[in-house]
N, C-alpha and C. Protein backbone atom coordinates (compact mmCIF):
# COMPACT_ATOMS: atom_id res chain seq x y z
N MET A 1 -1.93 -9.01 -26.33
CA MET A 1 -1.07 -10.01 -25.75
C MET A 1 -1.91 -10.90 -24.83
N THR A 2 -1.76 -12.20 -24.93
CA THR A 2 -2.51 -13.12 -24.08
C THR A 2 -1.70 -13.46 -22.85
N SER A 3 -2.36 -14.01 -21.85
CA SER A 3 -1.67 -14.35 -20.60
C SER A 3 -0.54 -15.34 -20.82
N ALA A 4 -0.65 -16.16 -21.85
CA ALA A 4 0.42 -17.12 -22.13
C ALA A 4 1.72 -16.40 -22.49
N ASN A 5 1.62 -15.19 -22.99
CA ASN A 5 2.80 -14.42 -23.38
C ASN A 5 3.26 -13.43 -22.31
N LEU A 6 2.47 -13.23 -21.29
CA LEU A 6 2.79 -12.23 -20.28
C LEU A 6 3.65 -12.82 -19.17
N PRO A 7 4.62 -12.04 -18.67
CA PRO A 7 5.36 -12.50 -17.50
C PRO A 7 4.45 -12.44 -16.27
N VAL A 8 4.70 -13.30 -15.31
CA VAL A 8 3.89 -13.36 -14.10
C VAL A 8 4.58 -12.56 -13.00
N LEU A 9 3.83 -11.67 -12.40
CA LEU A 9 4.34 -10.83 -11.33
C LEU A 9 4.20 -11.57 -10.00
N ASP A 10 5.30 -11.76 -9.32
CA ASP A 10 5.29 -12.41 -8.02
C ASP A 10 4.82 -11.42 -6.95
N ALA A 11 4.12 -11.91 -5.97
CA ALA A 11 3.58 -11.03 -4.92
C ALA A 11 4.69 -10.30 -4.17
N SER A 12 5.81 -10.94 -3.93
CA SER A 12 6.89 -10.27 -3.19
C SER A 12 7.47 -9.10 -3.99
N VAL A 13 7.52 -9.24 -5.29
CA VAL A 13 7.99 -8.14 -6.15
C VAL A 13 6.94 -7.04 -6.18
N ALA A 14 5.68 -7.42 -6.26
CA ALA A 14 4.60 -6.43 -6.25
C ALA A 14 4.64 -5.60 -4.97
N VAL A 15 4.85 -6.25 -3.83
CA VAL A 15 4.92 -5.54 -2.55
C VAL A 15 6.04 -4.52 -2.59
N LYS A 16 7.20 -4.91 -3.09
CA LYS A 16 8.34 -3.99 -3.17
C LYS A 16 8.05 -2.81 -4.09
N CYS A 17 7.21 -3.01 -5.07
CA CYS A 17 6.83 -1.91 -5.97
C CYS A 17 5.84 -0.97 -5.29
N LEU A 18 5.07 -1.48 -4.36
CA LEU A 18 3.97 -0.71 -3.78
C LEU A 18 4.32 0.04 -2.50
N ILE A 19 5.36 -0.41 -1.80
CA ILE A 19 5.82 0.29 -0.60
C ILE A 19 7.34 0.37 -0.63
N ASP A 20 7.88 1.33 0.07
CA ASP A 20 9.34 1.48 0.12
C ASP A 20 9.92 0.53 1.15
N GLU A 21 10.75 -0.37 0.65
CA GLU A 21 11.49 -1.28 1.51
C GLU A 21 12.77 -1.66 0.78
N THR A 22 13.56 -2.52 1.36
CA THR A 22 14.81 -2.93 0.74
C THR A 22 14.56 -3.45 -0.67
N ASP A 23 15.33 -2.96 -1.61
CA ASP A 23 15.28 -3.36 -3.02
C ASP A 23 14.02 -2.93 -3.76
N SER A 24 13.27 -1.99 -3.21
CA SER A 24 12.09 -1.48 -3.92
C SER A 24 12.49 -0.86 -5.26
N GLY A 25 13.59 -0.15 -5.28
CA GLY A 25 14.05 0.47 -6.53
C GLY A 25 14.34 -0.55 -7.60
N LEU A 26 14.97 -1.67 -7.21
CA LEU A 26 15.25 -2.73 -8.17
C LEU A 26 13.96 -3.35 -8.69
N ALA A 27 13.01 -3.59 -7.79
CA ALA A 27 11.73 -4.17 -8.20
C ALA A 27 10.99 -3.25 -9.16
N ARG A 28 10.95 -1.97 -8.83
CA ARG A 28 10.26 -1.01 -9.71
C ARG A 28 10.92 -0.91 -11.07
N ALA A 29 12.24 -0.96 -11.09
CA ALA A 29 12.95 -0.91 -12.37
C ALA A 29 12.66 -2.15 -13.20
N ALA A 30 12.64 -3.31 -12.57
CA ALA A 30 12.37 -4.56 -13.29
C ALA A 30 10.95 -4.56 -13.84
N VAL A 31 9.98 -4.17 -13.02
CA VAL A 31 8.59 -4.16 -13.46
C VAL A 31 8.38 -3.10 -14.53
N GLY A 32 9.09 -2.00 -14.41
CA GLY A 32 8.95 -0.92 -15.38
C GLY A 32 9.50 -1.24 -16.76
N ARG A 33 10.33 -2.27 -16.85
CA ARG A 33 10.88 -2.66 -18.16
C ARG A 33 9.85 -3.32 -19.07
N ARG A 34 8.77 -3.82 -18.48
CA ARG A 34 7.71 -4.47 -19.26
C ARG A 34 6.40 -3.72 -19.03
N PRO A 35 5.64 -3.47 -20.07
CA PRO A 35 4.38 -2.75 -19.87
C PRO A 35 3.24 -3.61 -19.35
N ASP A 36 3.32 -4.90 -19.56
CA ASP A 36 2.21 -5.79 -19.21
C ASP A 36 2.67 -6.93 -18.31
N TRP A 37 1.89 -7.17 -17.26
CA TRP A 37 2.16 -8.25 -16.32
C TRP A 37 0.86 -8.98 -16.01
N ALA A 38 0.99 -10.27 -15.73
CA ALA A 38 -0.15 -11.08 -15.32
C ALA A 38 0.11 -11.62 -13.92
N ALA A 39 -0.94 -12.07 -13.27
CA ALA A 39 -0.82 -12.70 -11.95
C ALA A 39 -2.08 -13.50 -11.68
N PRO A 40 -1.95 -14.53 -10.86
CA PRO A 40 -3.16 -15.23 -10.42
C PRO A 40 -3.93 -14.34 -9.45
N ASP A 41 -5.22 -14.53 -9.34
CA ASP A 41 -6.03 -13.68 -8.47
C ASP A 41 -5.62 -13.75 -7.00
N LEU A 42 -4.92 -14.79 -6.62
CA LEU A 42 -4.45 -14.92 -5.24
C LEU A 42 -3.45 -13.83 -4.86
N ILE A 43 -2.87 -13.16 -5.83
CA ILE A 43 -1.92 -12.09 -5.53
C ILE A 43 -2.58 -11.01 -4.67
N PHE A 44 -3.87 -10.78 -4.85
CA PHE A 44 -4.56 -9.76 -4.05
C PHE A 44 -4.60 -10.17 -2.57
N LEU A 45 -4.83 -11.44 -2.30
CA LEU A 45 -4.82 -11.93 -0.92
C LEU A 45 -3.42 -11.88 -0.33
N GLU A 46 -2.42 -12.24 -1.12
CA GLU A 46 -1.04 -12.22 -0.64
C GLU A 46 -0.59 -10.80 -0.29
N VAL A 47 -0.88 -9.86 -1.15
CA VAL A 47 -0.49 -8.46 -0.91
C VAL A 47 -1.29 -7.89 0.26
N ALA A 48 -2.56 -8.21 0.35
CA ALA A 48 -3.38 -7.74 1.48
C ALA A 48 -2.85 -8.29 2.80
N SER A 49 -2.40 -9.53 2.80
CA SER A 49 -1.83 -10.14 3.99
C SER A 49 -0.57 -9.41 4.44
N VAL A 50 0.29 -9.07 3.50
CA VAL A 50 1.50 -8.31 3.82
C VAL A 50 1.13 -6.92 4.35
N ALA A 51 0.15 -6.28 3.71
CA ALA A 51 -0.28 -4.95 4.15
C ALA A 51 -0.84 -5.00 5.57
N LEU A 52 -1.65 -6.00 5.87
CA LEU A 52 -2.23 -6.13 7.21
C LEU A 52 -1.15 -6.38 8.25
N LYS A 53 -0.21 -7.23 7.93
CA LYS A 53 0.88 -7.52 8.86
C LYS A 53 1.71 -6.25 9.13
N ALA A 54 2.01 -5.49 8.09
CA ALA A 54 2.77 -4.24 8.25
C ALA A 54 1.96 -3.22 9.05
N LEU A 55 0.66 -3.18 8.84
CA LEU A 55 -0.22 -2.28 9.59
C LEU A 55 -0.21 -2.64 11.07
N ARG A 56 -0.35 -3.91 11.37
CA ARG A 56 -0.36 -4.38 12.77
C ARG A 56 0.97 -4.13 13.47
N ARG A 57 2.05 -4.17 12.72
CA ARG A 57 3.39 -3.93 13.29
C ARG A 57 3.72 -2.45 13.38
N GLY A 58 2.82 -1.61 12.90
CA GLY A 58 3.05 -0.18 12.95
C GLY A 58 3.99 0.33 11.87
N LEU A 59 4.23 -0.47 10.84
CA LEU A 59 5.14 -0.08 9.76
C LEU A 59 4.43 0.73 8.69
N LEU A 60 3.10 0.62 8.63
CA LEU A 60 2.28 1.37 7.67
C LEU A 60 1.11 1.99 8.41
N ARG A 61 0.65 3.11 7.91
CA ARG A 61 -0.61 3.68 8.37
C ARG A 61 -1.74 3.03 7.57
N ARG A 62 -2.95 3.17 8.06
CA ARG A 62 -4.12 2.54 7.42
C ARG A 62 -4.25 2.98 5.96
N ALA A 63 -4.08 4.26 5.70
CA ALA A 63 -4.20 4.76 4.32
C ALA A 63 -3.15 4.16 3.41
N GLN A 64 -1.95 3.94 3.94
CA GLN A 64 -0.88 3.33 3.13
C GLN A 64 -1.21 1.87 2.81
N ALA A 65 -1.71 1.15 3.79
CA ALA A 65 -2.08 -0.26 3.58
C ALA A 65 -3.21 -0.36 2.56
N ASP A 66 -4.21 0.52 2.69
CA ASP A 66 -5.32 0.52 1.74
C ASP A 66 -4.84 0.84 0.33
N ALA A 67 -3.95 1.83 0.22
CA ALA A 67 -3.43 2.21 -1.09
C ALA A 67 -2.60 1.09 -1.71
N MET A 68 -1.89 0.38 -0.87
CA MET A 68 -1.07 -0.73 -1.37
C MET A 68 -1.94 -1.76 -2.10
N VAL A 69 -3.04 -2.12 -1.49
CA VAL A 69 -3.95 -3.11 -2.10
C VAL A 69 -4.66 -2.51 -3.31
N ALA A 70 -5.11 -1.27 -3.18
CA ALA A 70 -5.84 -0.62 -4.28
C ALA A 70 -4.96 -0.42 -5.51
N ASN A 71 -3.69 -0.10 -5.30
CA ASN A 71 -2.79 0.17 -6.42
C ASN A 71 -2.22 -1.07 -7.09
N LEU A 72 -2.41 -2.22 -6.48
CA LEU A 72 -1.92 -3.46 -7.07
C LEU A 72 -2.46 -3.67 -8.48
N SER A 73 -3.71 -3.39 -8.67
CA SER A 73 -4.31 -3.61 -10.00
C SER A 73 -3.66 -2.75 -11.08
N LEU A 74 -3.03 -1.64 -10.69
CA LEU A 74 -2.36 -0.78 -11.67
C LEU A 74 -1.12 -1.45 -12.26
N LEU A 75 -0.58 -2.43 -11.56
CA LEU A 75 0.61 -3.14 -12.04
C LEU A 75 0.26 -4.28 -13.00
N LEU A 76 -1.01 -4.67 -13.02
CA LEU A 76 -1.40 -5.89 -13.75
C LEU A 76 -2.24 -5.59 -14.99
N SER A 77 -1.90 -6.28 -16.05
CA SER A 77 -2.70 -6.20 -17.27
C SER A 77 -3.75 -7.30 -17.31
N GLU A 78 -3.44 -8.38 -16.61
CA GLU A 78 -4.36 -9.52 -16.62
C GLU A 78 -4.29 -10.25 -15.30
N VAL A 79 -5.44 -10.66 -14.79
CA VAL A 79 -5.53 -11.45 -13.57
C VAL A 79 -6.22 -12.77 -13.92
N ALA A 80 -5.55 -13.86 -13.60
CA ALA A 80 -6.07 -15.18 -13.94
C ALA A 80 -6.81 -15.78 -12.74
N PRO A 81 -7.98 -16.35 -12.95
CA PRO A 81 -8.69 -16.99 -11.84
C PRO A 81 -7.93 -18.22 -11.35
N SER A 82 -8.05 -18.47 -10.07
CA SER A 82 -7.29 -19.58 -9.48
C SER A 82 -8.15 -20.81 -9.24
N ASP A 83 -9.14 -21.01 -10.02
CA ASP A 83 -10.03 -22.19 -9.96
C ASP A 83 -10.06 -22.80 -8.60
């Protein structure tokens, strides 16, 4: 499957899949319905920004924030460069 055929995973949905928050179950169910997802490479910066903000607010421990960013790639079949 090429990226032209893959649905694009939004960073906000990815975050909900990676940590428990409101509507995480819905996000996981939606993402789980498709085996392959694409995203622009900027998704890693967006998710890291959310993880850092949650870490600074005391909502996540360091290991959880690190895992959030590390596990993002498990959701993606393809990452497109953002030129």
